[in-house]
Amino acid sequence: GSITGYLWTQEEGTPVWFEPESAVISFT
């Protein structure tokens, strides 16, 4: 097996914009 997908979700805090299906995410 290998990792084929990523899903990041912001659970708490002031909303920020990011790409949720990337292995590495960045935001301000």
mmCIF file of all heavy atoms, coordinates in Angstrom:
data_MODEL
# 
_entry.id   MODEL 
# 
loop_
_atom_site.group_PDB 
_atom_site.id 
_atom_site.type_symbol 
_atom_site.label_atom_id 
_atom_site.label_alt_id 
_atom_site.label_comp_id 
_atom_site.label_asym_id 
_atom_site.label_entity_id 
_atom_site.label_seq_id 
_atom_site.pdbx_PDB_ins_code 
_atom_site.Cartn_x 
_atom_site.Cartn_y 
_atom_site.Cartn_z 
_atom_site.occupancy 
_atom_site.B_iso_or_equiv 
_atom_site.pdbx_formal_charge 
_atom_site.auth_seq_id 
_atom_site.auth_comp_id 
_atom_site.auth_asym_id 
_atom_site.auth_atom_id 
_atom_site.pdbx_PDB_model_num 
ATOM 1   N N   . GLY A 1 1  ? 0.802   -1.213 0.000  1.00 0.00 ? 1  GLY A N   1 
ATOM 2   C CA  . GLY A 1 1  ? 0.000   0.000  0.000  1.00 0.00 ? 1  GLY A CA  1 
ATOM 3   C C   . GLY A 1 1  ? 0.836   1.264  0.000  1.00 0.00 ? 1  GLY A C   1 
ATOM 4   O O   . GLY A 1 1  ? 2.022   1.245  0.301  1.00 0.00 ? 1  GLY A O   1 
ATOM 5   N N   . SER A 1 2  ? 0.195   2.374  -0.330 1.00 0.00 ? 2  SER A N   1 
ATOM 6   C CA  . SER A 1 2  ? 0.842   3.683  -0.282 1.00 0.00 ? 2  SER A CA  1 
ATOM 7   C C   . SER A 1 2  ? -0.231  4.747  -0.078 1.00 0.00 ? 2  SER A C   1 
ATOM 8   O O   . SER A 1 2  ? -1.404  4.525  -0.368 1.00 0.00 ? 2  SER A O   1 
ATOM 9   C CB  . SER A 1 2  ? 1.623   3.952  -1.565 1.00 0.00 ? 2  SER A CB  1 
ATOM 10  O OG  . SER A 1 2  ? 0.751   3.938  -2.674 1.00 0.00 ? 2  SER A OG  1 
ATOM 11  N N   . ILE A 1 3  ? 0.165   5.898  0.425  1.00 0.00 ? 3  ILE A N   1 
ATOM 12  C CA  . ILE A 1 3  ? -0.771  7.010  0.628  1.00 0.00 ? 3  ILE A CA  1 
ATOM 13  C C   . ILE A 1 3  ? -1.092  7.614  -0.735 1.00 0.00 ? 3  ILE A C   1 
ATOM 14  O O   . ILE A 1 3  ? -0.190  7.976  -1.490 1.00 0.00 ? 3  ILE A O   1 
ATOM 15  C CB  . ILE A 1 3  ? -0.163  8.084  1.559  1.00 0.00 ? 3  ILE A CB  1 
ATOM 16  C CG1 . ILE A 1 3  ? 0.240   7.483  2.909  1.00 0.00 ? 3  ILE A CG1 1 
ATOM 17  C CG2 . ILE A 1 3  ? -1.132  9.254  1.734  1.00 0.00 ? 3  ILE A CG2 1 
ATOM 18  C CD1 . ILE A 1 3  ? -0.887  6.917  3.719  1.00 0.00 ? 3  ILE A CD1 1 
ATOM 19  N N   . THR A 1 4  ? -2.383  7.733  -1.038 1.00 0.00 ? 4  THR A N   1 
ATOM 20  C CA  . THR A 1 4  ? -2.793  8.292  -2.329 1.00 0.00 ? 4  THR A CA  1 
ATOM 21  C C   . THR A 1 4  ? -3.600  9.578  -2.198 1.00 0.00 ? 4  THR A C   1 
ATOM 22  O O   . THR A 1 4  ? -3.819  10.257 -3.193 1.00 0.00 ? 4  THR A O   1 
ATOM 23  C CB  . THR A 1 4  ? -3.630  7.272  -3.121 1.00 0.00 ? 4  THR A CB  1 
ATOM 24  O OG1 . THR A 1 4  ? -4.774  6.905  -2.353 1.00 0.00 ? 4  THR A OG1 1 
ATOM 25  C CG2 . THR A 1 4  ? -2.803  6.041  -3.457 1.00 0.00 ? 4  THR A CG2 1 
ATOM 26  N N   . GLY A 1 5  ? -4.058  9.904  -0.996 1.00 0.00 ? 5  GLY A N   1 
ATOM 27  C CA  . GLY A 1 5  ? -4.847  11.114 -0.830 1.00 0.00 ? 5  GLY A CA  1 
ATOM 28  C C   . GLY A 1 5  ? -4.723  11.708 0.559  1.00 0.00 ? 5  GLY A C   1 
ATOM 29  O O   . GLY A 1 5  ? -4.482  10.998 1.537  1.00 0.00 ? 5  GLY A O   1 
ATOM 30  N N   . TYR A 1 6  ? -4.884  13.035 0.623  1.00 0.00 ? 6  TYR A N   1 
ATOM 31  C CA  . TYR A 1 6  ? -4.804  13.796 1.867  1.00 0.00 ? 6  TYR A CA  1 
ATOM 32  C C   . TYR A 1 6  ? -6.033  14.684 1.971  1.00 0.00 ? 6  TYR A C   1 
ATOM 33  O O   . TYR A 1 6  ? -6.489  15.220 0.964  1.00 0.00 ? 6  TYR A O   1 
ATOM 34  C CB  . TYR A 1 6  ? -3.563  14.696 1.879  1.00 0.00 ? 6  TYR A CB  1 
ATOM 35  C CG  . TYR A 1 6  ? -2.263  13.935 1.812  1.00 0.00 ? 6  TYR A CG  1 
ATOM 36  C CD1 . TYR A 1 6  ? -1.754  13.477 0.596  1.00 0.00 ? 6  TYR A CD1 1 
ATOM 37  C CD2 . TYR A 1 6  ? -1.540  13.658 2.964  1.00 0.00 ? 6  TYR A CD2 1 
ATOM 38  C CE1 . TYR A 1 6  ? -0.565  12.777 0.534  1.00 0.00 ? 6  TYR A CE1 1 
ATOM 39  C CE2 . TYR A 1 6  ? -0.342  12.960 2.912  1.00 0.00 ? 6  TYR A CE2 1 
ATOM 40  C CZ  . TYR A 1 6  ? 0.133   12.524 1.686  1.00 0.00 ? 6  TYR A CZ  1 
ATOM 41  O OH  . TYR A 1 6  ? 1.313   11.831 1.631  1.00 0.00 ? 6  TYR A OH  1 
ATOM 42  N N   . LEU A 1 7  ? -6.562  14.841 3.183  1.00 0.00 ? 7  LEU A N   1 
ATOM 43  C CA  . LEU A 1 7  ? -7.677  15.756 3.393  1.00 0.00 ? 7  LEU A CA  1 
ATOM 44  C C   . LEU A 1 7  ? -7.460  16.509 4.700  1.00 0.00 ? 7  LEU A C   1 
ATOM 45  O O   . LEU A 1 7  ? -7.557  15.928 5.793  1.00 0.00 ? 7  LEU A O   1 
ATOM 46  C CB  . LEU A 1 7  ? -9.023  15.039 3.424  1.00 0.00 ? 7  LEU A CB  1 
ATOM 47  C CG  . LEU A 1 7  ? -10.228 15.954 3.636  1.00 0.00 ? 7  LEU A CG  1 
ATOM 48  C CD1 . LEU A 1 7  ? -10.329 16.997 2.515  1.00 0.00 ? 7  LEU A CD1 1 
ATOM 49  C CD2 . LEU A 1 7  ? -11.505 15.155 3.745  1.00 0.00 ? 7  LEU A CD2 1 
ATOM 50  N N   . TRP A 1 8  ? -7.126  17.793 4.582  1.00 0.00 ? 8  TRP A N   1 
ATOM 51  C CA  . TRP A 1 8  ? -6.968  18.681 5.738  1.00 0.00 ? 8  TRP A CA  1 
ATOM 52  C C   . TRP A 1 8  ? -8.293  19.397 5.987  1.00 0.00 ? 8  TRP A C   1 
ATOM 53  O O   . TRP A 1 8  ? -8.957  19.832 5.042  1.00 0.00 ? 8  TRP A O   1 
ATOM 54  C CB  . TRP A 1 8  ? -5.901  19.740 5.465  1.00 0.00 ? 8  TRP A CB  1 
ATOM 55  C CG  . TRP A 1 8  ? -4.507  19.223 5.368  1.00 0.00 ? 8  TRP A CG  1 
ATOM 56  C CD1 . TRP A 1 8  ? -3.856  18.825 4.235  1.00 0.00 ? 8  TRP A CD1 1 
ATOM 57  C CD2 . TRP A 1 8  ? -3.582  19.046 6.439  1.00 0.00 ? 8  TRP A CD2 1 
ATOM 58  N NE1 . TRP A 1 8  ? -2.585  18.421 4.538  1.00 0.00 ? 8  TRP A NE1 1 
ATOM 59  C CE2 . TRP A 1 8  ? -2.377  18.549 5.885  1.00 0.00 ? 8  TRP A CE2 1 
ATOM 60  C CE3 . TRP A 1 8  ? -3.643  19.252 7.815  1.00 0.00 ? 8  TRP A CE3 1 
ATOM 61  C CZ2 . TRP A 1 8  ? -1.258  18.272 6.658  1.00 0.00 ? 8  TRP A CZ2 1 
ATOM 62  C CZ3 . TRP A 1 8  ? -2.526  18.983 8.583  1.00 0.00 ? 8  TRP A CZ3 1 
ATOM 63  C CH2 . TRP A 1 8  ? -1.358  18.495 8.006  1.00 0.00 ? 8  TRP A CH2 1 
ATOM 64  N N   . THR A 1 9  ? -8.678  19.531 7.250  1.00 0.00 ? 9  THR A N   1 
ATOM 65  C CA  . THR A 1 9  ? -9.895  20.242 7.637  1.00 0.00 ? 9  THR A CA  1 
ATOM 66  C C   . THR A 1 9  ? -9.558  21.175 8.786  1.00 0.00 ? 9  THR A C   1 
ATOM 67  O O   . THR A 1 9  ? -8.911  20.761 9.747  1.00 0.00 ? 9  THR A O   1 
ATOM 68  C CB  . THR A 1 9  ? -10.990 19.257 8.095  1.00 0.00 ? 9  THR A CB  1 
ATOM 69  O OG1 . THR A 1 9  ? -11.236 18.313 7.048  1.00 0.00 ? 9  THR A OG1 1 
ATOM 70  C CG2 . THR A 1 9  ? -12.280 19.980 8.447  1.00 0.00 ? 9  THR A CG2 1 
ATOM 71  N N   . GLN A 1 10 ? -9.993  22.436 8.682  1.00 0.00 ? 10 GLN A N   1 
ATOM 72  C CA  . GLN A 1 10 ? -9.808  23.353 9.808  1.00 0.00 ? 10 GLN A CA  1 
ATOM 73  C C   . GLN A 1 10 ? -10.937 23.111 10.788 1.00 0.00 ? 10 GLN A C   1 
ATOM 74  O O   . GLN A 1 10 ? -12.104 23.269 10.461 1.00 0.00 ? 10 GLN A O   1 
ATOM 75  C CB  . GLN A 1 10 ? -9.787  24.808 9.355  1.00 0.00 ? 10 GLN A CB  1 
ATOM 76  C CG  . GLN A 1 10 ? -9.483  25.745 10.512 1.00 0.00 ? 10 GLN A CG  1 
ATOM 77  C CD  . GLN A 1 10 ? -9.302  27.185 10.104 1.00 0.00 ? 10 GLN A CD  1 
ATOM 78  O OE1 . GLN A 1 10 ? -9.382  27.538 8.931  1.00 0.00 ? 10 GLN A OE1 1 
ATOM 79  N NE2 . GLN A 1 10 ? -9.053  28.036 11.086 1.00 0.00 ? 10 GLN A NE2 1 
ATOM 80  N N   . GLU A 1 11 ? -10.587 22.710 12.002 1.00 0.00 ? 11 GLU A N   1 
ATOM 81  C CA  . GLU A 1 11 ? -11.570 22.361 13.027 1.00 0.00 ? 11 GLU A CA  1 
ATOM 82  C C   . GLU A 1 11 ? -11.936 23.542 13.915 1.00 0.00 ? 11 GLU A C   1 
ATOM 83  O O   . GLU A 1 11 ? -13.069 23.637 14.385 1.00 0.00 ? 11 GLU A O   1 
ATOM 84  C CB  . GLU A 1 11 ? -11.038 21.213 13.896 1.00 0.00 ? 11 GLU A CB  1 
ATOM 85  C CG  . GLU A 1 11 ? -10.663 19.956 13.134 1.00 0.00 ? 11 GLU A CG  1 
ATOM 86  C CD  . GLU A 1 11 ? -11.854 19.217 12.560 1.00 0.00 ? 11 GLU A CD  1 
ATOM 87  O OE1 . GLU A 1 11 ? -13.000 19.506 12.928 1.00 0.00 ? 11 GLU A OE1 1 
ATOM 88  O OE2 . GLU A 1 11 ? -11.619 18.323 11.715 1.00 0.00 ? 11 GLU A OE2 1 
ATOM 89  N N   . GLU A 1 12 ? -10.974 24.420 14.208 1.00 0.00 ? 12 GLU A N   1 
ATOM 90  C CA  . GLU A 1 12 ? -11.201 25.555 15.118 1.00 0.00 ? 12 GLU A CA  1 
ATOM 91  C C   . GLU A 1 12 ? -10.383 26.754 14.691 1.00 0.00 ? 12 GLU A C   1 
ATOM 92  O O   . GLU A 1 12 ? -9.360  26.619 14.028 1.00 0.00 ? 12 GLU A O   1 
ATOM 93  C CB  . GLU A 1 12 ? -10.789 25.182 16.552 1.00 0.00 ? 12 GLU A CB  1 
ATOM 94  C CG  . GLU A 1 12 ? -11.632 24.140 17.221 1.00 0.00 ? 12 GLU A CG  1 
ATOM 95  C CD  . GLU A 1 12 ? -11.162 23.869 18.642 1.00 0.00 ? 12 GLU A CD  1 
ATOM 96  O OE1 . GLU A 1 12 ? -10.604 24.763 19.285 1.00 0.00 ? 12 GLU A OE1 1 
ATOM 97  O OE2 . GLU A 1 12 ? -11.344 22.732 19.095 1.00 0.00 ? 12 GLU A OE2 1 
ATOM 98  N N   . GLY A 1 13 ? -10.840 27.933 15.132 1.00 0.00 ? 13 GLY A N   1 
ATOM 99  C CA  . GLY A 1 13 ? -10.078 29.164 14.940 1.00 0.00 ? 13 GLY A CA  1 
ATOM 100 C C   . GLY A 1 13 ? -10.597 30.029 13.814 1.00 0.00 ? 13 GLY A C   1 
ATOM 101 O O   . GLY A 1 13 ? -11.512 29.649 13.075 1.00 0.00 ? 13 GLY A O   1 
ATOM 102 N N   . THR A 1 14 ? -9.980  31.198 13.689 1.00 0.00 ? 14 THR A N   1 
ATOM 103 C CA  . THR A 1 14 ? -10.315 32.137 12.629 1.00 0.00 ? 14 THR A CA  1 
ATOM 104 C C   . THR A 1 14 ? -10.082 31.459 11.276 1.00 0.00 ? 14 THR A C   1 
ATOM 105 O O   . THR A 1 14 ? -9.005  30.913 11.046 1.00 0.00 ? 14 THR A O   1 
ATOM 106 C CB  . THR A 1 14 ? -9.409  33.389 12.740 1.00 0.00 ? 14 THR A CB  1 
ATOM 107 O OG1 . THR A 1 14 ? -9.585  33.963 14.036 1.00 0.00 ? 14 THR A OG1 1 
ATOM 108 C CG2 . THR A 1 14 ? -9.750  34.405 11.674 1.00 0.00 ? 14 THR A CG2 1 
ATOM 109 N N   . PRO A 1 15 ? -11.092 31.455 10.399 1.00 0.00 ? 15 PRO A N   1 
ATOM 110 C CA  . PRO A 1 15 ? -10.934 30.751 9.115  1.00 0.00 ? 15 PRO A CA  1 
ATOM 111 C C   . PRO A 1 15 ? -9.766  31.291 8.285  1.00 0.00 ? 15 PRO A C   1 
ATOM 112 O O   . PRO A 1 15 ? -9.551  32.500 8.202  1.00 0.00 ? 15 PRO A O   1 
ATOM 113 C CB  . PRO A 1 15 ? -12.263 31.011 8.404  1.00 0.00 ? 15 PRO A CB  1 
ATOM 114 C CG  . PRO A 1 15 ? -13.229 31.319 9.497  1.00 0.00 ? 15 PRO A CG  1 
ATOM 115 C CD  . PRO A 1 15 ? -12.425 32.022 10.551 1.00 0.00 ? 15 PRO A CD  1 
ATOM 116 N N   . VAL A 1 16 ? -9.003  30.374 7.697  1.00 0.00 ? 16 VAL A N   1 
ATOM 117 C CA  . VAL A 1 16 ? -7.904  30.720 6.794  1.00 0.00 ? 16 VAL A CA  1 
ATOM 118 C C   . VAL A 1 16 ? -8.085  29.935 5.505  1.00 0.00 ? 16 VAL A C   1 
ATOM 119 O O   . VAL A 1 16 ? -8.747  28.897 5.476  1.00 0.00 ? 16 VAL A O   1 
ATOM 120 C CB  . VAL A 1 16 ? -6.519  30.405 7.425  1.00 0.00 ? 16 VAL A CB  1 
ATOM 121 C CG1 . VAL A 1 16 ? -6.293  31.269 8.663  1.00 0.00 ? 16 VAL A CG1 1 
ATOM 122 C CG2 . VAL A 1 16 ? -6.383  28.934 7.785  1.00 0.00 ? 16 VAL A CG2 1 
ATOM 123 N N   . TRP A 1 17 ? -7.487  30.429 4.403  1.00 0.00 ? 17 TRP A N   1 
ATOM 124 C CA  . TRP A 1 17 ? -7.610  29.752 3.119  1.00 0.00 ? 17 TRP A CA  1 
ATOM 125 C C   . TRP A 1 17 ? -6.413  28.835 2.905  1.00 0.00 ? 17 TRP A C   1 
ATOM 126 O O   . TRP A 1 17 ? -5.266  29.205 3.145  1.00 0.00 ? 17 TRP A O   1 
ATOM 127 C CB  . TRP A 1 17 ? -7.692  30.757 1.979  1.00 0.00 ? 17 TRP A CB  1 
ATOM 128 C CG  . TRP A 1 17 ? -7.959  30.065 0.684  1.00 0.00 ? 17 TRP A CG  1 
ATOM 129 C CD1 . TRP A 1 17 ? -9.189  29.801 0.156  1.00 0.00 ? 17 TRP A CD1 1 
ATOM 130 C CD2 . TRP A 1 17 ? -7.006  29.495 -0.207 1.00 0.00 ? 17 TRP A CD2 1 
ATOM 131 N NE1 . TRP A 1 17 ? -9.050  29.098 -1.027 1.00 0.00 ? 17 TRP A NE1 1 
ATOM 132 C CE2 . TRP A 1 17 ? -7.710  28.900 -1.268 1.00 0.00 ? 17 TRP A CE2 1 
ATOM 133 C CE3 . TRP A 1 17 ? -5.627  29.430 -0.213 1.00 0.00 ? 17 TRP A CE3 1 
ATOM 134 C CZ2 . TRP A 1 17 ? -7.098  28.247 -2.332 1.00 0.00 ? 17 TRP A CZ2 1 
ATOM 135 C CZ3 . TRP A 1 17 ? -5.000  28.769 -1.258 1.00 0.00 ? 17 TRP A CZ3 1 
ATOM 136 C CH2 . TRP A 1 17 ? -5.734  28.202 -2.309 1.00 0.00 ? 17 TRP A CH2 1 
ATOM 137 N N   . PHE A 1 18 ? -6.690  27.611 2.439  1.00 0.00 ? 18 PHE A N   1 
ATOM 138 C CA  . PHE A 1 18 ? -5.638  26.638 2.124  1.00 0.00 ? 18 PHE A CA  1 
ATOM 139 C C   . PHE A 1 18 ? -6.207  25.624 1.148  1.00 0.00 ? 18 PHE A C   1 
ATOM 140 O O   . PHE A 1 18 ? -7.415  25.535 0.955  1.00 0.00 ? 18 PHE A O   1 
ATOM 141 C CB  . PHE A 1 18 ? -5.124  25.943 3.401  1.00 0.00 ? 18 PHE A CB  1 
ATOM 142 C CG  . PHE A 1 18 ? -6.193  25.189 4.146  1.00 0.00 ? 18 PHE A CG  1 
ATOM 143 C CD1 . PHE A 1 18 ? -6.383  23.828 3.943  1.00 0.00 ? 18 PHE A CD1 1 
ATOM 144 C CD2 . PHE A 1 18 ? -7.038  25.841 5.043  1.00 0.00 ? 18 PHE A CD2 1 
ATOM 145 C CE1 . PHE A 1 18 ? -7.387  23.136 4.617  1.00 0.00 ? 18 PHE A CE1 1 
ATOM 146 C CE2 . PHE A 1 18 ? -8.039  25.150 5.718  1.00 0.00 ? 18 PHE A CE2 1 
ATOM 147 C CZ  . PHE A 1 18 ? -8.216  23.796 5.506  1.00 0.00 ? 18 PHE A CZ  1 
ATOM 148 N N   . GLU A 1 19 ? -5.336  24.845 0.515  1.00 0.00 ? 19 GLU A N   1 
ATOM 149 C CA  . GLU A 1 19 ? -5.738  23.791 -0.424 1.00 0.00 ? 19 GLU A CA  1 
ATOM 150 C C   . GLU A 1 19 ? -5.897  22.495 0.368  1.00 0.00 ? 19 GLU A C   1 
ATOM 151 O O   . GLU A 1 19 ? -4.894  21.889 0.760  1.00 0.00 ? 19 GLU A O   1 
ATOM 152 C CB  . GLU A 1 19 ? -4.687  23.633 -1.520 1.00 0.00 ? 19 GLU A CB  1 
ATOM 153 C CG  . GLU A 1 19 ? -4.990  22.535 -2.511 1.00 0.00 ? 19 GLU A CG  1 
ATOM 154 C CD  . GLU A 1 19 ? -6.351  22.671 -3.181 1.00 0.00 ? 19 GLU A CD  1 
ATOM 155 O OE1 . GLU A 1 19 ? -6.673  23.759 -3.691 1.00 0.00 ? 19 GLU A OE1 1 
ATOM 156 O OE2 . GLU A 1 19 ? -7.111  21.672 -3.168 1.00 0.00 ? 19 GLU A OE2 1 
ATOM 157 N N   . PRO A 1 20 ? -7.124  22.030 0.634  1.00 0.00 ? 20 PRO A N   1 
ATOM 158 C CA  . PRO A 1 20 ? -7.342  20.926 1.577  1.00 0.00 ? 20 PRO A CA  1 
ATOM 159 C C   . PRO A 1 20 ? -6.872  19.545 1.130  1.00 0.00 ? 20 PRO A C   1 
ATOM 160 O O   . PRO A 1 20 ? -6.698  18.667 1.955  1.00 0.00 ? 20 PRO A O   1 
ATOM 161 C CB  . PRO A 1 20 ? -8.859  20.926 1.777  1.00 0.00 ? 20 PRO A CB  1 
ATOM 162 C CG  . PRO A 1 20 ? -9.411  21.555 0.548  1.00 0.00 ? 20 PRO A CG  1 
ATOM 163 C CD  . PRO A 1 20 ? -8.378  22.560 0.105  1.00 0.00 ? 20 PRO A CD  1 
ATOM 164 N N   . GLU A 1 21 ? -6.641  19.344 -0.159 1.00 0.00 ? 21 GLU A N   1 
ATOM 165 C CA  . GLU A 1 21 ? -6.289  18.007 -0.632 1.00 0.00 ? 21 GLU A CA  1 
ATOM 166 C C   . GLU A 1 21 ? -4.813  17.864 -0.998 1.00 0.00 ? 21 GLU A C   1 
ATOM 167 O O   . GLU A 1 21 ? -4.438  16.974 -1.746 1.00 0.00 ? 21 GLU A O   1 
ATOM 168 C CB  . GLU A 1 21 ? -7.181  17.626 -1.809 1.00 0.00 ? 21 GLU A CB  1 
ATOM 169 C CG  . GLU A 1 21 ? -8.646  17.500 -1.396 1.00 0.00 ? 21 GLU A CG  1 
ATOM 170 C CD  . GLU A 1 21 ? -9.563  17.110 -2.536 1.00 0.00 ? 21 GLU A CD  1 
ATOM 171 O OE1 . GLU A 1 21 ? -9.083  16.834 -3.645 1.00 0.00 ? 21 GLU A OE1 1 
ATOM 172 O OE2 . GLU A 1 21 ? -10.784 17.080 -2.302 1.00 0.00 ? 21 GLU A OE2 1 
ATOM 173 N N   . SER A 1 22 ? -3.971  18.709 -0.437 1.00 0.00 ? 22 SER A N   1 
ATOM 174 C CA  . SER A 1 22 ? -2.529  18.639 -0.673 1.00 0.00 ? 22 SER A CA  1 
ATOM 175 C C   . SER A 1 22 ? -1.841  17.977 0.511  1.00 0.00 ? 22 SER A C   1 
ATOM 176 O O   . SER A 1 22 ? -2.315  18.060 1.639  1.00 0.00 ? 22 SER A O   1 
ATOM 177 C CB  . SER A 1 22 ? -1.947  20.044 -0.852 1.00 0.00 ? 22 SER A CB  1 
ATOM 178 O OG  . SER A 1 22 ? -2.486  20.665 -1.987 1.00 0.00 ? 22 SER A OG  1 
ATOM 179 N N   . ALA A 1 23 ? -0.708  17.337 0.241  1.00 0.00 ? 23 ALA A N   1 
ATOM 180 C CA  . ALA A 1 23 ? 0.073   16.728 1.322  1.00 0.00 ? 23 ALA A CA  1 
ATOM 181 C C   . ALA A 1 23 ? 0.633   17.799 2.244  1.00 0.00 ? 23 ALA A C   1 
ATOM 182 O O   . ALA A 1 23 ? 0.693   17.628 3.460  1.00 0.00 ? 23 ALA A O   1 
ATOM 183 C CB  . ALA A 1 23 ? 1.198   15.883 0.743  1.00 0.00 ? 23 ALA A CB  1 
ATOM 184 N N   . VAL A 1 24 ? 1.039   18.928 1.664  1.00 0.00 ? 24 VAL A N   1 
ATOM 185 C CA  . VAL A 1 24 ? 1.597   20.054 2.412  1.00 0.00 ? 24 VAL A CA  1 
ATOM 186 C C   . VAL A 1 24 ? 0.705   21.260 2.137  1.00 0.00 ? 24 VAL A C   1 
ATOM 187 O O   . VAL A 1 24 ? 0.432   21.580 0.977  1.00 0.00 ? 24 VAL A O   1 
ATOM 188 C CB  . VAL A 1 24 ? 3.045   20.353 1.972  1.00 0.00 ? 24 VAL A CB  1 
ATOM 189 C CG1 . VAL A 1 24 ? 3.597   21.554 2.718  1.00 0.00 ? 24 VAL A CG1 1 
ATOM 190 C CG2 . VAL A 1 24 ? 3.934   19.125 2.176  1.00 0.00 ? 24 VAL A CG2 1 
ATOM 191 N N   . ILE A 1 25 ? 0.237   21.911 3.208  1.00 0.00 ? 25 ILE A N   1 
ATOM 192 C CA  . ILE A 1 25 ? -0.595  23.104 3.023  1.00 0.00 ? 25 ILE A CA  1 
ATOM 193 C C   . ILE A 1 25 ? 0.106   24.304 3.653  1.00 0.00 ? 25 ILE A C   1 
ATOM 194 O O   . ILE A 1 25 ? 0.876   24.162 4.605  1.00 0.00 ? 25 ILE A O   1 
ATOM 195 C CB  . ILE A 1 25 ? -2.004  22.940 3.616  1.00 0.00 ? 25 ILE A CB  1 
ATOM 196 C CG1 . ILE A 1 25 ? -1.966  22.745 5.137  1.00 0.00 ? 25 ILE A CG1 1 
ATOM 197 C CG2 . ILE A 1 25 ? -2.751  21.803 2.935  1.00 0.00 ? 25 ILE A CG2 1 
ATOM 198 C CD1 . ILE A 1 25 ? -3.336  22.824 5.809  1.00 0.00 ? 25 ILE A CD1 1 
ATOM 199 N N   . SER A 1 26 ? -0.177  25.487 3.115  1.00 0.00 ? 26 SER A N   1 
ATOM 200 C CA  . SER A 1 26 ? 0.345   26.743 3.661  1.00 0.00 ? 26 SER A CA  1 
ATOM 201 C C   . SER A 1 26 ? -0.776  27.758 3.704  1.00 0.00 ? 26 SER A C   1 
ATOM 202 O O   . SER A 1 26 ? -1.680  27.736 2.858  1.00 0.00 ? 26 SER A O   1 
ATOM 203 C CB  . SER A 1 26 ? 1.483   27.284 2.794  1.00 0.00 ? 26 SER A CB  1 
ATOM 204 O OG  . SER A 1 26 ? 2.592   26.426 2.846  1.00 0.00 ? 26 SER A OG  1 
ATOM 205 N N   . PHE A 1 27 ? -0.696  28.649 4.682  1.00 0.00 ? 27 PHE A N   1 
ATOM 206 C CA  . PHE A 1 27 ? -1.674  29.723 4.813  1.00 0.00 ? 27 PHE A CA  1 
ATOM 207 C C   . PHE A 1 27 ? -1.050  30.858 5.599  1.00 0.00 ? 27 PHE A C   1 
ATOM 208 O O   . PHE A 1 27 ? 0.003   30.688 6.226  1.00 0.00 ? 27 PHE A O   1 
ATOM 209 C CB  . PHE A 1 27 ? -2.963  29.238 5.479  1.00 0.00 ? 27 PHE A CB  1 
ATOM 210 C CG  . PHE A 1 27 ? -2.750  28.635 6.841  1.00 0.00 ? 27 PHE A CG  1 
ATOM 211 C CD1 . PHE A 1 27 ? -2.754  29.433 7.984  1.00 0.00 ? 27 PHE A CD1 1 
ATOM 212 C CD2 . PHE A 1 27 ? -2.537  27.273 6.988  1.00 0.00 ? 27 PHE A CD2 1 
ATOM 213 C CE1 . PHE A 1 27 ? -2.552  28.885 9.239  1.00 0.00 ? 27 PHE A CE1 1 
ATOM 214 C CE2 . PHE A 1 27 ? -2.326  26.705 8.235  1.00 0.00 ? 27 PHE A CE2 1 
ATOM 215 C CZ  . PHE A 1 27 ? -2.335  27.522 9.359  1.00 0.00 ? 27 PHE A CZ  1 
ATOM 216 N N   . THR A 1 28 ? -1.696  32.009 5.583  1.00 0.00 ? 28 THR A N   1 
ATOM 217 C CA  . THR A 1 28 ? -1.229  33.172 6.334  1.00 0.00 ? 28 THR A CA  1 
ATOM 218 C C   . THR A 1 28 ? -1.936  33.205 7.681  1.00 0.00 ? 28 THR A C   1 
ATOM 219 O O   . THR A 1 28 ? -3.161  33.126 7.745  1.00 0.00 ? 28 THR A O   1 
ATOM 220 C CB  . THR A 1 28 ? -1.519  34.468 5.553  1.00 0.00 ? 28 THR A CB  1 
ATOM 221 O OG1 . THR A 1 28 ? -0.869  34.386 4.283  1.00 0.00 ? 28 THR A OG1 1 
ATOM 222 C CG2 . THR A 1 28 ? -1.017  35.684 6.313  1.00 0.00 ? 28 THR A CG2 1 
# 
